[in-house]
N, C-alpha and C. Protein backbone atom coordinates (compact mmCIF):
# COMPACT_ATOMS: atom_id res chain seq x y z
N MET A 1 -0.81 -8.05 24.82
CA MET A 1 -1.36 -6.92 24.11
C MET A 1 -2.58 -6.41 24.88
N GLN A 2 -2.66 -5.13 25.10
CA GLN A 2 -3.77 -4.57 25.86
C GLN A 2 -4.92 -4.18 24.93
N ASN A 3 -6.11 -4.05 25.53
CA ASN A 3 -7.28 -3.62 24.76
C ASN A 3 -7.09 -2.17 24.32
N LEU A 4 -7.53 -1.88 23.10
CA LEU A 4 -7.43 -0.53 22.59
C LEU A 4 -8.47 0.39 23.23
N LEU A 5 -9.65 -0.13 23.43
CA LEU A 5 -10.74 0.64 24.01
C LEU A 5 -11.54 -0.26 24.93
N PRO A 6 -12.26 0.33 25.89
CA PRO A 6 -13.15 -0.49 26.70
C PRO A 6 -14.21 -1.16 25.81
N PRO A 7 -14.70 -2.33 26.20
CA PRO A 7 -15.68 -3.05 25.37
C PRO A 7 -16.90 -2.22 25.00
N ARG A 8 -17.35 -1.36 25.89
CA ARG A 8 -18.53 -0.53 25.59
C ARG A 8 -18.26 0.35 24.38
N TRP A 9 -17.07 0.98 24.33
CA TRP A 9 -16.75 1.86 23.21
C TRP A 9 -16.54 1.08 21.92
N MET A 10 -16.06 -0.13 22.04
CA MET A 10 -15.92 -0.98 20.84
C MET A 10 -17.30 -1.29 20.26
N ALA A 11 -18.29 -1.52 21.13
CA ALA A 11 -19.66 -1.78 20.67
C ALA A 11 -20.25 -0.53 20.03
N VAL A 12 -19.98 0.63 20.61
CA VAL A 12 -20.47 1.89 20.03
C VAL A 12 -19.84 2.09 18.65
N LYS A 13 -18.57 1.83 18.55
CA LYS A 13 -17.86 1.97 17.27
C LYS A 13 -18.45 1.02 16.22
N ALA A 14 -18.71 -0.22 16.60
CA ALA A 14 -19.30 -1.19 15.68
C ALA A 14 -20.69 -0.74 15.23
N ALA A 15 -21.48 -0.23 16.17
CA ALA A 15 -22.82 0.26 15.83
C ALA A 15 -22.74 1.44 14.86
N MET A 16 -21.77 2.31 15.05
CA MET A 16 -21.61 3.45 14.15
C MET A 16 -21.26 2.98 12.74
N PHE A 17 -20.42 1.95 12.62
CA PHE A 17 -20.09 1.41 11.30
C PHE A 17 -21.33 0.84 10.61
N VAL A 18 -22.16 0.14 11.38
CA VAL A 18 -23.39 -0.43 10.81
C VAL A 18 -24.32 0.69 10.36
N ILE A 19 -24.46 1.72 11.17
CA ILE A 19 -25.33 2.85 10.81
C ILE A 19 -24.82 3.55 9.55
N ILE A 20 -23.52 3.77 9.47
CA ILE A 20 -22.94 4.40 8.27
C ILE A 20 -23.21 3.54 7.04
N ALA A 21 -23.01 2.24 7.15
CA ALA A 21 -23.24 1.35 6.01
C ALA A 21 -24.71 1.36 5.59
N LEU A 22 -25.60 1.30 6.57
CA LEU A 22 -27.03 1.31 6.24
C LEU A 22 -27.46 2.63 5.59
N LEU A 23 -26.99 3.74 6.13
CA LEU A 23 -27.32 5.03 5.54
C LEU A 23 -26.78 5.15 4.12
N ALA A 24 -25.56 4.72 3.90
CA ALA A 24 -24.99 4.76 2.55
C ALA A 24 -25.81 3.88 1.60
N GLY A 25 -26.20 2.71 2.06
CA GLY A 25 -27.02 1.82 1.24
C GLY A 25 -28.37 2.43 0.90
N VAL A 26 -29.00 3.04 1.88
CA VAL A 26 -30.29 3.70 1.65
C VAL A 26 -30.15 4.83 0.63
N ILE A 27 -29.09 5.61 0.75
CA ILE A 27 -28.87 6.71 -0.19
C ILE A 27 -28.66 6.18 -1.62
N VAL A 28 -27.85 5.16 -1.75
CA VAL A 28 -27.60 4.59 -3.09
C VAL A 28 -28.88 4.02 -3.68
N ILE A 29 -29.62 3.25 -2.89
CA ILE A 29 -30.87 2.66 -3.39
C ILE A 29 -31.90 3.75 -3.72
N SER A 30 -31.96 4.80 -2.92
CA SER A 30 -32.94 5.86 -3.20
C SER A 30 -32.60 6.62 -4.49
N ARG A 31 -31.34 6.69 -4.83
CA ARG A 31 -30.94 7.38 -6.07
C ARG A 31 -31.11 6.50 -7.29
N SER A 32 -31.04 5.18 -7.09
CA SER A 32 -31.18 4.25 -8.21
C SER A 32 -31.90 3.00 -7.70
N PRO A 33 -33.23 3.07 -7.57
CA PRO A 33 -33.98 1.97 -6.95
C PRO A 33 -34.23 0.79 -7.91
N THR A 34 -33.17 0.03 -8.17
CA THR A 34 -33.31 -1.15 -9.03
C THR A 34 -32.77 -2.37 -8.30
N TRP A 35 -33.18 -3.53 -8.78
CA TRP A 35 -32.68 -4.78 -8.20
C TRP A 35 -31.18 -4.94 -8.50
N THR A 36 -30.74 -4.42 -9.63
CA THR A 36 -29.32 -4.49 -9.97
C THR A 36 -28.49 -3.71 -8.97
N THR A 37 -28.93 -2.51 -8.63
CA THR A 37 -28.22 -1.70 -7.64
C THR A 37 -28.20 -2.40 -6.29
N ALA A 38 -29.32 -2.94 -5.88
CA ALA A 38 -29.38 -3.66 -4.60
C ALA A 38 -28.45 -4.87 -4.62
N GLY A 39 -28.45 -5.60 -5.71
CA GLY A 39 -27.57 -6.77 -5.83
C GLY A 39 -26.11 -6.38 -5.78
N CYS A 40 -25.77 -5.28 -6.44
CA CYS A 40 -24.39 -4.81 -6.41
C CYS A 40 -23.97 -4.40 -5.00
N LEU A 41 -24.88 -3.75 -4.27
CA LEU A 41 -24.57 -3.38 -2.89
C LEU A 41 -24.33 -4.61 -2.02
N VAL A 42 -25.14 -5.64 -2.21
CA VAL A 42 -24.95 -6.88 -1.46
C VAL A 42 -23.60 -7.50 -1.82
N ALA A 43 -23.27 -7.51 -3.11
CA ALA A 43 -21.99 -8.07 -3.56
C ALA A 43 -20.82 -7.29 -2.98
N ILE A 44 -20.92 -5.97 -2.95
CA ILE A 44 -19.86 -5.14 -2.37
C ILE A 44 -19.69 -5.45 -0.88
N ALA A 45 -20.78 -5.53 -0.16
CA ALA A 45 -20.71 -5.82 1.28
C ALA A 45 -20.09 -7.19 1.52
N TRP A 46 -20.51 -8.19 0.76
CA TRP A 46 -19.98 -9.54 0.94
C TRP A 46 -18.50 -9.61 0.60
N ALA A 47 -18.13 -9.05 -0.56
CA ALA A 47 -16.74 -9.11 -0.99
C ALA A 47 -15.83 -8.34 -0.04
N SER A 48 -16.30 -7.21 0.45
CA SER A 48 -15.51 -6.41 1.38
C SER A 48 -15.29 -7.15 2.70
N SER A 49 -16.33 -7.81 3.18
CA SER A 49 -16.18 -8.55 4.43
C SER A 49 -15.23 -9.74 4.26
N ARG A 50 -15.27 -10.38 3.11
CA ARG A 50 -14.35 -11.50 2.86
C ARG A 50 -12.91 -11.00 2.72
N ALA A 51 -12.73 -9.84 2.08
CA ALA A 51 -11.39 -9.26 1.96
C ALA A 51 -10.85 -8.88 3.33
N TYR A 52 -11.71 -8.33 4.17
CA TYR A 52 -11.32 -7.98 5.53
C TYR A 52 -10.89 -9.23 6.30
N TYR A 53 -11.68 -10.29 6.20
CA TYR A 53 -11.35 -11.56 6.85
C TYR A 53 -9.99 -12.05 6.36
N PHE A 54 -9.79 -12.03 5.05
CA PHE A 54 -8.52 -12.50 4.49
C PHE A 54 -7.36 -11.67 5.02
N ALA A 55 -7.52 -10.36 4.97
CA ALA A 55 -6.43 -9.48 5.34
C ALA A 55 -6.04 -9.62 6.81
N PHE A 56 -6.99 -9.71 7.68
CA PHE A 56 -6.66 -9.67 9.10
C PHE A 56 -6.71 -11.01 9.81
N TYR A 57 -7.21 -12.04 9.19
CA TYR A 57 -7.20 -13.35 9.84
C TYR A 57 -6.27 -14.31 9.12
N VAL A 58 -6.50 -14.52 7.85
CA VAL A 58 -5.70 -15.49 7.11
C VAL A 58 -4.24 -15.08 7.09
N ILE A 59 -3.95 -13.83 6.74
CA ILE A 59 -2.56 -13.38 6.68
C ILE A 59 -1.92 -13.48 8.06
N GLY A 60 -2.63 -13.02 9.08
CA GLY A 60 -2.08 -13.04 10.43
C GLY A 60 -1.88 -14.42 11.02
N HIS A 61 -2.69 -15.39 10.60
CA HIS A 61 -2.59 -16.73 11.17
C HIS A 61 -1.83 -17.73 10.30
N TYR A 62 -1.81 -17.54 9.01
CA TYR A 62 -1.21 -18.54 8.14
C TYR A 62 0.02 -18.07 7.38
N VAL A 63 0.14 -16.79 7.08
CA VAL A 63 1.31 -16.31 6.35
C VAL A 63 2.53 -16.34 7.26
N ASP A 64 2.42 -15.72 8.41
CA ASP A 64 3.50 -15.72 9.40
C ASP A 64 2.89 -15.55 10.78
N PRO A 65 2.53 -16.66 11.43
CA PRO A 65 1.86 -16.58 12.74
C PRO A 65 2.70 -15.91 13.83
N SER A 66 4.02 -15.85 13.65
CA SER A 66 4.86 -15.25 14.68
C SER A 66 4.88 -13.73 14.60
N PHE A 67 4.42 -13.16 13.50
CA PHE A 67 4.45 -11.70 13.34
C PHE A 67 3.04 -11.16 13.43
N ARG A 68 2.86 -10.08 14.19
CA ARG A 68 1.55 -9.45 14.34
C ARG A 68 1.51 -8.18 13.49
N PHE A 69 0.66 -8.21 12.48
CA PHE A 69 0.52 -7.07 11.60
C PHE A 69 -0.44 -6.07 12.22
N SER A 70 -0.06 -4.79 12.20
CA SER A 70 -0.93 -3.77 12.77
C SER A 70 -1.88 -3.19 11.72
N GLY A 71 -1.70 -3.59 10.48
CA GLY A 71 -2.56 -3.10 9.41
C GLY A 71 -2.04 -3.56 8.06
N LEU A 72 -2.74 -3.17 7.01
CA LEU A 72 -2.34 -3.60 5.67
C LEU A 72 -1.02 -3.00 5.23
N LEU A 73 -0.73 -1.76 5.61
CA LEU A 73 0.57 -1.18 5.25
C LEU A 73 1.71 -1.92 5.94
N ASP A 74 1.50 -2.30 7.17
CA ASP A 74 2.50 -3.08 7.89
C ASP A 74 2.74 -4.41 7.19
N PHE A 75 1.67 -5.05 6.74
CA PHE A 75 1.83 -6.31 6.01
C PHE A 75 2.56 -6.08 4.69
N ALA A 76 2.23 -5.00 3.97
CA ALA A 76 2.88 -4.72 2.69
C ALA A 76 4.38 -4.51 2.88
N ARG A 77 4.76 -3.78 3.92
CA ARG A 77 6.19 -3.59 4.21
C ARG A 77 6.86 -4.93 4.50
N TRP A 78 6.21 -5.75 5.30
CA TRP A 78 6.76 -7.06 5.63
C TRP A 78 6.93 -7.91 4.37
N ALA A 79 5.92 -7.90 3.49
CA ALA A 79 5.98 -8.69 2.26
C ALA A 79 7.09 -8.19 1.34
N LEU A 80 7.26 -6.88 1.24
CA LEU A 80 8.34 -6.34 0.40
C LEU A 80 9.71 -6.72 0.95
N ARG A 81 9.89 -6.62 2.25
CA ARG A 81 11.17 -7.02 2.86
C ARG A 81 11.43 -8.49 2.62
N ARG A 82 10.40 -9.30 2.75
CA ARG A 82 10.54 -10.73 2.55
C ARG A 82 10.91 -11.05 1.10
N ARG A 83 10.26 -10.36 0.16
CA ARG A 83 10.53 -10.59 -1.26
C ARG A 83 11.98 -10.20 -1.58
N ARG A 84 12.42 -9.06 -1.04
CA ARG A 84 13.80 -8.59 -1.30
C ARG A 84 14.83 -9.57 -0.73
N SER A 85 14.56 -10.09 0.46
CA SER A 85 15.51 -11.03 1.07
C SER A 85 15.57 -12.34 0.29
N ARG A 86 14.45 -12.77 -0.29
CA ARG A 86 14.46 -13.99 -1.12
C ARG A 86 15.16 -13.75 -2.44
N ALA A 87 15.04 -12.55 -3.00
CA ALA A 87 15.71 -12.23 -4.27
C ALA A 87 17.21 -12.21 -4.11
N ARG A 88 17.69 -11.81 -2.95
CA ARG A 88 19.13 -11.76 -2.68
C ARG A 88 19.72 -13.14 -2.46
N SER A 89 18.89 -14.08 -2.03
CA SER A 89 19.39 -15.43 -1.71
C SER A 89 19.66 -16.25 -2.94
């Protein structure tokens, strides 16, 4: 499998994601500056990162290591095909 982008552009892309997340967090906190809002933002960030880990690492390595999923829709199609084939058996 070849690299999608040169490493420099991958770093730029990662930095842009961090900037977007920080700006969104600042906007939310500025509109509702409470500890509850800040806590909810932290919970969203943590839960989202864990869901991302699950979706792209656990599924790819433990559900079917021989198949490479290109995304969540690809995994959903694979899971539906698998479920249908088991129902027929």
